[in-house]
């Protein structure tokens, strides 16, 4: 897989996984919503170690902005979907 594709696919996939984990951890408790955000930050940080193992050479500031944006997007869509449609 191309290095640029890995920089897009892996953070989005980890963001989606973070959304599922956030839903499971917070499961119906609005008081625990900040924990979901902490889970997202942890999954963004995991990219720092995972991407070099997959063959990505260097990550600049622009790359980290993209990684964070993709992870937040995937996390938000999945977590919101699960809270609205699975929780009812």
Protein backbone atom coordinates (compact mmCIF):
# COMPACT_ATOMS: atom_id res chain seq x y z
CA UNK A 1 0.00 0.00 0.00
CA UNK A 2 1.21 3.50 -0.84
CA UNK A 3 2.62 5.61 2.01
CA UNK A 4 0.07 8.40 1.45
CA UNK A 5 -2.79 5.88 1.52
CA UNK A 6 -1.51 4.52 4.82
CA UNK A 7 -1.44 8.07 6.25
CA UNK A 8 -5.14 8.37 5.41
CA UNK A 9 -6.51 4.86 5.96
CA UNK A 10 -4.89 3.92 9.27
CA UNK A 11 -5.91 7.08 11.22
CA UNK A 12 -9.48 6.87 9.90
CA UNK A 13 -9.69 3.19 10.83
CA UNK A 14 -8.26 3.84 14.31
CA UNK A 15 -10.72 6.72 14.70
CA UNK A 16 -13.60 4.37 13.92
CA UNK A 17 -12.28 1.84 16.44
CA UNK A 18 -11.97 4.67 18.98
CA UNK A 19 -15.63 5.52 18.32
CA UNK A 20 -16.70 1.96 19.09
CA UNK A 21 -14.54 1.83 22.22
CA UNK A 22 -15.88 5.23 23.34
CA UNK A 23 -19.43 3.99 22.91
CA UNK A 24 -18.76 0.83 24.90
CA UNK A 25 -17.02 2.70 27.72
CA UNK A 26 -19.58 5.51 28.03
CA UNK A 27 -22.63 3.33 27.28
CA UNK A 28 -25.50 5.65 28.10
CA UNK A 29 -23.85 7.81 30.74
CA UNK A 30 -23.56 11.46 29.73
CA UNK A 31 -21.29 12.12 32.72
CA UNK A 32 -18.61 9.93 31.13
CA UNK A 33 -18.45 11.71 27.75
CA UNK A 34 -15.01 13.26 28.44
CA UNK A 35 -13.65 9.72 28.77
CA UNK A 36 -14.65 9.16 25.13
CA UNK A 37 -12.55 12.14 24.09
CA UNK A 38 -9.59 10.84 26.10
CA UNK A 39 -9.95 7.51 24.28
CA UNK A 40 -9.80 9.38 20.97
CA UNK A 41 -6.60 11.17 22.00
CA UNK A 42 -5.01 7.85 22.98
CA UNK A 43 -5.89 6.35 19.59
CA UNK A 44 -4.42 9.39 17.81
CA UNK A 45 -1.23 8.87 19.81
CA UNK A 46 -1.15 5.18 18.79
CA UNK A 47 -0.61 6.39 15.20
CA UNK A 48 2.83 7.66 16.24
CA UNK A 49 3.97 4.08 16.84
CA UNK A 50 1.87 2.20 14.33
CA UNK A 51 2.55 4.18 11.15
CA UNK A 52 6.38 3.77 11.23
CA UNK A 53 5.92 0.01 11.65
CA UNK A 54 3.77 0.02 8.51
CA UNK A 55 6.45 1.77 6.46
CA UNK A 56 5.69 5.48 6.78
CA UNK A 57 9.05 7.24 6.90
CA UNK A 58 8.44 10.77 8.23
CA UNK A 59 5.49 12.57 9.73
CA UNK A 60 5.52 16.36 9.59
CA UNK A 61 3.20 18.88 11.20
CA UNK A 62 0.85 18.87 8.23
CA UNK A 63 0.68 15.08 8.40
CA UNK A 64 -0.26 15.18 12.08
CA UNK A 65 -3.01 17.69 11.37
CA UNK A 66 -4.39 15.33 8.73
CA UNK A 67 -4.05 12.31 11.00
CA UNK A 68 -5.88 14.06 13.83
CA UNK A 69 -8.61 15.32 11.50
CA UNK A 70 -9.25 11.90 9.99
CA UNK A 71 -9.27 10.22 13.39
CA UNK A 72 -11.67 12.80 14.83
CA UNK A 73 -13.94 12.47 11.80
CA UNK A 74 -14.11 8.68 12.01
CA UNK A 75 -14.55 8.76 15.78
CA UNK A 76 -17.33 11.34 15.67
CA UNK A 77 -19.32 9.61 12.92
CA UNK A 78 -19.12 6.15 14.49
CA UNK A 79 -19.74 7.26 18.08
CA UNK A 80 -22.67 9.48 17.09
CA UNK A 81 -24.17 6.74 14.93
CA UNK A 82 -23.91 4.20 17.74
CA UNK A 83 -25.39 6.56 20.33
CA UNK A 84 -28.34 7.49 18.12
CA UNK A 85 -29.26 4.22 16.46
CA UNK A 86 -27.95 1.41 18.64
CA UNK A 87 -28.76 3.06 21.96
CA UNK A 88 -32.49 3.42 21.25
